[in-house]
Amino acid sequence: MLLVDDGRVLAALDILFKEIAHADERYEAGGLSTVVTRRESRGHGLGRRLVVAARETMMERKLDLGLFTCDSPLQVFYESAGWRVLPGAVLIGGTPQAPFPSDQSGFDKVTMGDFFSPKARQAEALFRDSRIGLYSGEIDKLW
């Protein structure tokens, strides 16, 4: 997604999609990646507008849930855009053969999410304090 003004990109992000398995159930999941705002455009709410639009897009696409990690200092930013912290949740990115957990040494990550479908809302408690196998691959190891 791009936020463009007069042909100039002011903010951008990627929405990634994947079916995940968790607690013996399958879910259509989306996540945010590479959220950026042009340096001189920061502080005007443009990134927040784009993150809100991405969340709305995930709901419109009828995904079950949205999941991603962010650096701890950004938690408040994402909460202001409608996302919630998932207490104790760890995303396991990478691959099953080369896992890339969000709680590895040297990381200061928080898992953010939201539950869109009735099935996901009913299972919300199963995502807290759990290790969630995202297995997003070698390129976007974590969302």
N, C-alpha and C. Protein backbone atom coordinates (compact mmCIF):
# COMPACT_ATOMS: atom_id res chain seq x y z
N MET A 1 0.85 -1.17 0.00
CA MET A 1 0.00 0.00 0.00
C MET A 1 0.90 1.23 0.00
N LEU A 2 0.44 2.23 -0.72
CA LEU A 2 1.18 3.48 -0.81
C LEU A 2 0.29 4.65 -0.48
N LEU A 3 0.86 5.65 0.16
CA LEU A 3 0.19 6.93 0.35
C LEU A 3 0.98 7.93 -0.49
N VAL A 4 0.33 8.43 -1.55
CA VAL A 4 1.00 9.25 -2.55
C VAL A 4 0.38 10.64 -2.58
N ASP A 5 1.22 11.65 -2.67
CA ASP A 5 0.75 13.03 -2.81
C ASP A 5 1.51 13.67 -3.96
N ASP A 6 0.79 14.11 -4.97
CA ASP A 6 1.39 14.77 -6.13
C ASP A 6 2.51 13.92 -6.75
N GLY A 7 2.25 12.62 -6.88
CA GLY A 7 3.21 11.71 -7.51
C GLY A 7 4.37 11.30 -6.62
N ARG A 8 4.36 11.71 -5.38
CA ARG A 8 5.46 11.41 -4.46
C ARG A 8 4.98 10.46 -3.36
N VAL A 9 5.69 9.35 -3.14
CA VAL A 9 5.33 8.40 -2.10
C VAL A 9 5.72 8.98 -0.74
N LEU A 10 4.71 9.13 0.14
CA LEU A 10 4.96 9.67 1.47
C LEU A 10 5.09 8.57 2.52
N ALA A 11 4.35 7.47 2.32
CA ALA A 11 4.39 6.35 3.24
C ALA A 11 4.05 5.08 2.47
N ALA A 12 4.57 3.95 2.96
CA ALA A 12 4.33 2.68 2.28
C ALA A 12 4.37 1.54 3.30
N LEU A 13 3.70 0.45 2.95
CA LEU A 13 3.78 -0.77 3.73
C LEU A 13 3.42 -1.94 2.85
N ASP A 14 3.81 -3.12 3.29
CA ASP A 14 3.43 -4.36 2.63
C ASP A 14 2.43 -5.08 3.52
N ILE A 15 1.40 -5.66 2.90
CA ILE A 15 0.50 -6.58 3.59
C ILE A 15 0.84 -7.97 3.06
N LEU A 16 1.23 -8.84 3.95
CA LEU A 16 1.57 -10.21 3.57
C LEU A 16 0.43 -11.13 4.00
N PHE A 17 0.20 -12.19 3.23
CA PHE A 17 -0.91 -13.10 3.47
C PHE A 17 -0.39 -14.53 3.54
N LYS A 18 -1.00 -15.31 4.44
CA LYS A 18 -0.57 -16.70 4.57
C LYS A 18 -1.61 -17.47 5.38
N GLU A 19 -1.83 -18.72 5.03
CA GLU A 19 -2.62 -19.59 5.88
C GLU A 19 -1.69 -20.14 6.95
N ILE A 20 -2.13 -20.07 8.20
CA ILE A 20 -1.33 -20.61 9.30
C ILE A 20 -2.14 -21.68 10.02
N ALA A 21 -1.43 -22.55 10.72
CA ALA A 21 -2.06 -23.56 11.58
C ALA A 21 -1.70 -23.22 13.02
N HIS A 22 -2.71 -23.23 13.88
CA HIS A 22 -2.48 -22.95 15.29
C HIS A 22 -3.55 -23.66 16.11
N ALA A 23 -3.13 -24.36 17.14
CA ALA A 23 -4.05 -25.07 18.05
C ALA A 23 -5.04 -25.94 17.25
N ASP A 24 -4.49 -26.72 16.33
CA ASP A 24 -5.29 -27.67 15.55
C ASP A 24 -6.36 -27.04 14.66
N GLU A 25 -6.13 -25.78 14.27
CA GLU A 25 -7.07 -25.09 13.38
C GLU A 25 -6.27 -24.30 12.36
N ARG A 26 -6.88 -24.04 11.21
CA ARG A 26 -6.23 -23.27 10.16
C ARG A 26 -6.91 -21.90 10.07
N TYR A 27 -6.07 -20.88 9.81
CA TYR A 27 -6.56 -19.50 9.75
C TYR A 27 -5.94 -18.78 8.57
N GLU A 28 -6.72 -17.95 7.91
CA GLU A 28 -6.20 -17.05 6.89
C GLU A 28 -5.70 -15.80 7.61
N ALA A 29 -4.40 -15.57 7.51
CA ALA A 29 -3.77 -14.49 8.27
C ALA A 29 -3.14 -13.47 7.33
N GLY A 30 -3.09 -12.26 7.81
CA GLY A 30 -2.36 -11.19 7.14
C GLY A 30 -1.45 -10.53 8.15
N GLY A 31 -0.44 -9.86 7.64
CA GLY A 31 0.47 -9.16 8.53
C GLY A 31 1.10 -7.97 7.85
N LEU A 32 1.60 -7.05 8.65
CA LEU A 32 2.27 -5.86 8.14
C LEU A 32 3.77 -6.10 8.06
N SER A 33 4.37 -5.49 7.05
CA SER A 33 5.82 -5.56 6.89
C SER A 33 6.29 -4.26 6.24
N THR A 34 7.51 -3.91 6.51
CA THR A 34 8.18 -2.74 5.90
C THR A 34 7.33 -1.48 5.92
N VAL A 35 6.83 -1.12 7.10
CA VAL A 35 6.07 0.12 7.26
C VAL A 35 7.07 1.27 7.34
N VAL A 36 6.96 2.20 6.39
CA VAL A 36 7.89 3.34 6.37
C VAL A 36 7.16 4.62 6.00
N THR A 37 7.67 5.72 6.53
CA THR A 37 7.19 7.04 6.17
C THR A 37 8.41 7.89 5.81
N ARG A 38 8.28 8.63 4.73
CA ARG A 38 9.36 9.53 4.31
C ARG A 38 9.74 10.43 5.49
N ARG A 39 11.02 10.56 5.74
CA ARG A 39 11.52 11.28 6.92
C ARG A 39 10.86 12.66 7.10
N GLU A 40 10.82 13.44 6.04
CA GLU A 40 10.27 14.79 6.16
C GLU A 40 8.75 14.81 6.31
N SER A 41 8.09 13.66 6.15
CA SER A 41 6.63 13.58 6.28
C SER A 41 6.20 12.98 7.61
N ARG A 42 7.15 12.61 8.45
CA ARG A 42 6.82 11.99 9.73
C ARG A 42 6.20 13.00 10.68
N GLY A 43 5.38 12.47 11.59
CA GLY A 43 4.76 13.31 12.60
C GLY A 43 3.45 13.94 12.18
N HIS A 44 2.94 13.56 11.01
CA HIS A 44 1.68 14.13 10.52
C HIS A 44 0.55 13.10 10.45
N GLY A 45 0.78 11.91 11.01
CA GLY A 45 -0.26 10.88 11.04
C GLY A 45 -0.40 10.08 9.76
N LEU A 46 0.52 10.25 8.81
CA LEU A 46 0.40 9.54 7.53
C LEU A 46 0.62 8.04 7.70
N GLY A 47 1.62 7.66 8.47
CA GLY A 47 1.86 6.24 8.72
C GLY A 47 0.68 5.60 9.40
N ARG A 48 0.12 6.28 10.37
CA ARG A 48 -1.06 5.77 11.08
C ARG A 48 -2.23 5.58 10.12
N ARG A 49 -2.46 6.56 9.25
CA ARG A 49 -3.54 6.43 8.25
C ARG A 49 -3.35 5.18 7.40
N LEU A 50 -2.12 4.94 6.99
CA LEU A 50 -1.83 3.79 6.14
C LEU A 50 -2.00 2.48 6.91
N VAL A 51 -1.57 2.44 8.17
CA VAL A 51 -1.71 1.23 8.99
C VAL A 51 -3.19 0.94 9.27
N VAL A 52 -3.97 1.98 9.51
CA VAL A 52 -5.43 1.81 9.68
C VAL A 52 -6.04 1.26 8.39
N ALA A 53 -5.65 1.81 7.25
CA ALA A 53 -6.18 1.34 5.96
C ALA A 53 -5.79 -0.12 5.71
N ALA A 54 -4.59 -0.52 6.11
CA ALA A 54 -4.16 -1.91 5.93
C ALA A 54 -5.02 -2.84 6.77
N ARG A 55 -5.31 -2.45 8.01
CA ARG A 55 -6.17 -3.26 8.90
C ARG A 55 -7.56 -3.39 8.28
N GLU A 56 -8.10 -2.30 7.78
CA GLU A 56 -9.42 -2.32 7.13
C GLU A 56 -9.41 -3.22 5.90
N THR A 57 -8.32 -3.18 5.14
CA THR A 57 -8.18 -4.04 3.95
C THR A 57 -8.19 -5.51 4.34
N MET A 58 -7.51 -5.85 5.42
CA MET A 58 -7.51 -7.25 5.88
C MET A 58 -8.92 -7.70 6.25
N MET A 59 -9.67 -6.81 6.90
CA MET A 59 -11.05 -7.16 7.27
C MET A 59 -11.91 -7.31 6.01
N GLU A 60 -11.74 -6.39 5.05
CA GLU A 60 -12.52 -6.46 3.81
C GLU A 60 -12.21 -7.73 3.02
N ARG A 61 -10.98 -8.20 3.11
CA ARG A 61 -10.59 -9.44 2.42
C ARG A 61 -11.05 -10.68 3.16
N LYS A 62 -11.77 -10.47 4.27
CA LYS A 62 -12.34 -11.58 5.05
C LYS A 62 -11.28 -12.50 5.64
N LEU A 63 -10.15 -11.93 6.03
CA LEU A 63 -9.13 -12.72 6.72
C LEU A 63 -9.64 -13.06 8.12
N ASP A 64 -9.10 -14.14 8.68
CA ASP A 64 -9.46 -14.51 10.04
C ASP A 64 -8.80 -13.59 11.06
N LEU A 65 -7.53 -13.27 10.80
CA LEU A 65 -6.80 -12.46 11.77
C LEU A 65 -5.62 -11.78 11.12
N GLY A 66 -5.10 -10.79 11.83
CA GLY A 66 -3.87 -10.12 11.45
C GLY A 66 -2.85 -10.32 12.56
N LEU A 67 -1.61 -10.61 12.19
CA LEU A 67 -0.52 -10.85 13.14
C LEU A 67 0.77 -10.25 12.59
N PHE A 68 1.54 -9.63 13.45
CA PHE A 68 2.87 -9.17 13.05
C PHE A 68 3.65 -8.80 14.31
N THR A 69 4.92 -8.60 14.15
CA THR A 69 5.75 -8.14 15.26
C THR A 69 6.20 -6.72 14.97
N CYS A 70 6.50 -6.02 16.05
CA CYS A 70 7.09 -4.69 15.92
C CYS A 70 8.10 -4.51 17.05
N ASP A 71 8.98 -3.55 16.89
CA ASP A 71 9.88 -3.20 17.98
C ASP A 71 9.04 -2.66 19.13
N SER A 72 9.39 -3.00 20.36
CA SER A 72 8.61 -2.60 21.54
C SER A 72 8.26 -1.12 21.58
N PRO A 73 9.18 -0.20 21.24
CA PRO A 73 8.81 1.21 21.29
C PRO A 73 7.68 1.61 20.32
N LEU A 74 7.39 0.77 19.32
CA LEU A 74 6.33 1.09 18.35
C LEU A 74 4.96 0.54 18.75
N GLN A 75 4.89 -0.17 19.87
CA GLN A 75 3.63 -0.75 20.30
C GLN A 75 2.52 0.29 20.40
N VAL A 76 2.79 1.43 21.00
CA VAL A 76 1.79 2.48 21.18
C VAL A 76 1.30 3.00 19.83
N PHE A 77 2.21 3.15 18.88
CA PHE A 77 1.83 3.60 17.53
C PHE A 77 0.82 2.63 16.91
N TYR A 78 1.13 1.33 16.95
CA TYR A 78 0.22 0.36 16.34
C TYR A 78 -1.10 0.25 17.11
N GLU A 79 -1.05 0.38 18.42
CA GLU A 79 -2.29 0.37 19.20
C GLU A 79 -3.16 1.57 18.81
N SER A 80 -2.55 2.71 18.53
CA SER A 80 -3.33 3.89 18.14
C SER A 80 -3.99 3.71 16.77
N ALA A 81 -3.54 2.71 16.01
CA ALA A 81 -4.12 2.42 14.70
C ALA A 81 -5.08 1.23 14.76
N GLY A 82 -5.43 0.78 15.97
CA GLY A 82 -6.43 -0.27 16.11
C GLY A 82 -5.91 -1.65 16.40
N TRP A 83 -4.62 -1.86 16.41
CA TRP A 83 -4.04 -3.18 16.69
C TRP A 83 -3.92 -3.36 18.19
N ARG A 84 -3.82 -4.62 18.61
CA ARG A 84 -3.68 -4.94 20.04
C ARG A 84 -2.46 -5.80 20.26
N VAL A 85 -1.83 -5.61 21.41
CA VAL A 85 -0.71 -6.48 21.77
C VAL A 85 -1.28 -7.84 22.17
N LEU A 86 -0.60 -8.91 21.78
CA LEU A 86 -0.99 -10.26 22.19
C LEU A 86 -0.02 -10.70 23.28
N PRO A 87 -0.41 -10.56 24.54
CA PRO A 87 0.50 -10.83 25.65
C PRO A 87 1.12 -12.22 25.58
N GLY A 88 2.43 -12.27 25.69
CA GLY A 88 3.14 -13.54 25.73
C GLY A 88 3.23 -14.28 24.42
N ALA A 89 2.65 -13.74 23.35
CA ALA A 89 2.68 -14.43 22.05
C ALA A 89 4.03 -14.23 21.38
N VAL A 90 4.54 -15.30 20.79
CA VAL A 90 5.80 -15.28 20.05
C VAL A 90 5.51 -15.79 18.65
N LEU A 91 5.89 -15.01 17.63
CA LEU A 91 5.77 -15.49 16.25
C LEU A 91 7.04 -16.24 15.90
N ILE A 92 6.86 -17.39 15.26
CA ILE A 92 7.99 -18.18 14.78
C ILE A 92 8.01 -18.02 13.27
N GLY A 93 8.94 -17.23 12.79
CA GLY A 93 9.08 -17.01 11.36
C GLY A 93 10.11 -17.95 10.76
N GLY A 94 10.66 -17.56 9.64
CA GLY A 94 11.62 -18.42 8.95
C GLY A 94 10.93 -19.63 8.38
N THR A 95 11.54 -20.78 8.56
CA THR A 95 10.98 -22.05 8.08
C THR A 95 11.02 -23.07 9.22
N PRO A 96 10.28 -24.17 9.10
CA PRO A 96 10.38 -25.20 10.15
C PRO A 96 11.81 -25.73 10.32
N GLN A 97 12.58 -25.75 9.22
CA GLN A 97 13.96 -26.23 9.30
C GLN A 97 14.91 -25.17 9.85
N ALA A 98 14.56 -23.90 9.69
CA ALA A 98 15.38 -22.79 10.18
C ALA A 98 14.46 -21.75 10.83
N PRO A 99 13.92 -22.07 12.02
CA PRO A 99 12.97 -21.17 12.66
C PRO A 99 13.61 -19.86 13.08
N PHE A 100 12.81 -18.80 13.07
CA PHE A 100 13.26 -17.45 13.39
C PHE A 100 12.26 -16.83 14.38
N PRO A 101 12.42 -17.13 15.69
CA PRO A 101 11.44 -16.68 16.67
C PRO A 101 11.59 -15.21 17.03
N SER A 102 10.48 -14.58 17.33
CA SER A 102 10.50 -13.16 17.67
C SER A 102 11.04 -12.90 19.08
N ASP A 103 11.23 -13.95 19.88
CA ASP A 103 11.77 -13.77 21.22
C ASP A 103 13.24 -14.16 21.33
N GLN A 104 13.93 -14.23 20.19
CA GLN A 104 15.33 -14.61 20.23
C GLN A 104 16.18 -13.53 20.90
N SER A 105 17.31 -13.95 21.39
CA SER A 105 18.22 -13.06 22.09
C SER A 105 18.57 -11.85 21.22
N GLY A 106 18.55 -10.67 21.84
CA GLY A 106 18.88 -9.44 21.12
C GLY A 106 17.70 -8.76 20.47
N PHE A 107 16.54 -9.40 20.46
CA PHE A 107 15.33 -8.80 19.90
C PHE A 107 14.52 -8.17 21.02
N ASP A 108 13.87 -7.07 20.71
CA ASP A 108 12.94 -6.43 21.63
C ASP A 108 11.63 -6.26 20.87
N LYS A 109 10.97 -7.39 20.61
CA LYS A 109 9.77 -7.41 19.77
C LYS A 109 8.52 -7.64 20.60
N VAL A 110 7.42 -7.12 20.08
CA VAL A 110 6.09 -7.33 20.63
C VAL A 110 5.25 -7.90 19.49
N THR A 111 4.40 -8.87 19.81
CA THR A 111 3.49 -9.42 18.82
C THR A 111 2.17 -8.65 18.89
N MET A 112 1.77 -8.13 17.75
CA MET A 112 0.53 -7.36 17.62
C MET A 112 -0.46 -8.19 16.80
N GLY A 113 -1.74 -7.94 17.00
CA GLY A 113 -2.72 -8.67 16.22
C GLY A 113 -4.12 -8.12 16.38
N ASP A 114 -5.02 -8.74 15.63
CA ASP A 114 -6.44 -8.49 15.78
C ASP A 114 -7.17 -9.69 15.17
N PHE A 115 -8.38 -9.92 15.66
CA PHE A 115 -9.15 -11.10 15.29
C PHE A 115 -10.41 -10.64 14.58
N PHE A 116 -10.51 -10.99 13.30
CA PHE A 116 -11.56 -10.45 12.45
C PHE A 116 -12.77 -11.39 12.31
N SER A 117 -12.53 -12.66 12.12
CA SER A 117 -13.63 -13.61 11.88
C SER A 117 -14.17 -14.14 13.21
N PRO A 118 -15.42 -14.62 13.20
CA PRO A 118 -15.95 -15.25 14.42
C PRO A 118 -15.08 -16.41 14.91
N LYS A 119 -14.60 -17.22 13.99
CA LYS A 119 -13.74 -18.35 14.37
C LYS A 119 -12.49 -17.87 15.09
N ALA A 120 -11.85 -16.83 14.57
CA ALA A 120 -10.63 -16.31 15.20
C ALA A 120 -10.94 -15.64 16.53
N ARG A 121 -12.05 -14.90 16.60
CA ARG A 121 -12.41 -14.25 17.87
C ARG A 121 -12.65 -15.28 18.98
N GLN A 122 -13.25 -16.40 18.62
CA GLN A 122 -13.49 -17.46 19.60
C GLN A 122 -12.18 -18.09 20.07
N ALA A 123 -11.17 -18.07 19.24
CA ALA A 123 -9.88 -18.70 19.56
C ALA A 123 -8.85 -17.71 20.09
N GLU A 124 -9.23 -16.47 20.30
CA GLU A 124 -8.26 -15.43 20.69
C GLU A 124 -7.40 -15.85 21.88
N ALA A 125 -7.99 -16.44 22.89
CA ALA A 125 -7.23 -16.83 24.09
C ALA A 125 -6.15 -17.86 23.77
N LEU A 126 -6.34 -18.64 22.72
CA LEU A 126 -5.34 -19.65 22.34
C LEU A 126 -4.08 -19.03 21.74
N PHE A 127 -4.17 -17.78 21.33
CA PHE A 127 -3.03 -17.10 20.73
C PHE A 127 -2.19 -16.37 21.78
N ARG A 128 -2.77 -16.07 22.91
CA ARG A 128 -2.02 -15.41 23.98
C ARG A 128 -1.09 -16.43 24.63
N ASP A 129 0.06 -15.95 25.08
CA ASP A 129 1.03 -16.81 25.78
C ASP A 129 1.31 -18.09 25.00
N SER A 130 1.48 -17.96 23.69
CA SER A 130 1.72 -19.14 22.86
C SER A 130 2.79 -18.83 21.82
N ARG A 131 3.30 -19.89 21.24
CA ARG A 131 4.25 -19.79 20.14
C ARG A 131 3.46 -20.08 18.87
N ILE A 132 3.45 -19.13 17.96
CA ILE A 132 2.61 -19.20 16.76
C ILE A 132 3.50 -19.46 15.55
N GLY A 133 3.31 -20.59 14.92
CA GLY A 133 4.11 -20.97 13.76
C GLY A 133 3.68 -20.22 12.51
N LEU A 134 4.32 -19.12 12.25
CA LEU A 134 4.05 -18.32 11.06
C LEU A 134 4.76 -18.92 9.85
N TYR A 135 6.02 -19.28 10.04
CA TYR A 135 6.86 -19.87 8.99
C TYR A 135 6.68 -19.13 7.66
N SER A 136 7.07 -17.88 7.70
CA SER A 136 6.87 -16.98 6.57
C SER A 136 7.96 -17.07 5.51
N GLY A 137 8.97 -17.90 5.71
CA GLY A 137 9.99 -18.11 4.69
C GLY A 137 11.30 -17.43 5.00
N GLU A 138 12.20 -17.50 4.06
CA GLU A 138 13.56 -16.96 4.25
C GLU A 138 13.69 -15.47 3.94
N ILE A 139 12.75 -14.91 3.17
CA ILE A 139 12.89 -13.50 2.79
C ILE A 139 12.27 -12.60 3.85
N ASP A 140 10.98 -12.71 4.07
CA ASP A 140 10.31 -11.96 5.14
C ASP A 140 10.20 -12.89 6.34
N LYS A 141 11.30 -13.04 7.05
CA LYS A 141 11.35 -14.04 8.13
C LYS A 141 10.31 -13.80 9.21
N LEU A 142 10.05 -12.54 9.50
CA LEU A 142 9.01 -12.18 10.45
C LEU A 142 8.16 -11.08 9.85
N TRP A 143 6.90 -11.07 10.21
CA TRP A 143 6.03 -9.96 9.82
C TRP A 143 6.01 -9.00 10.97
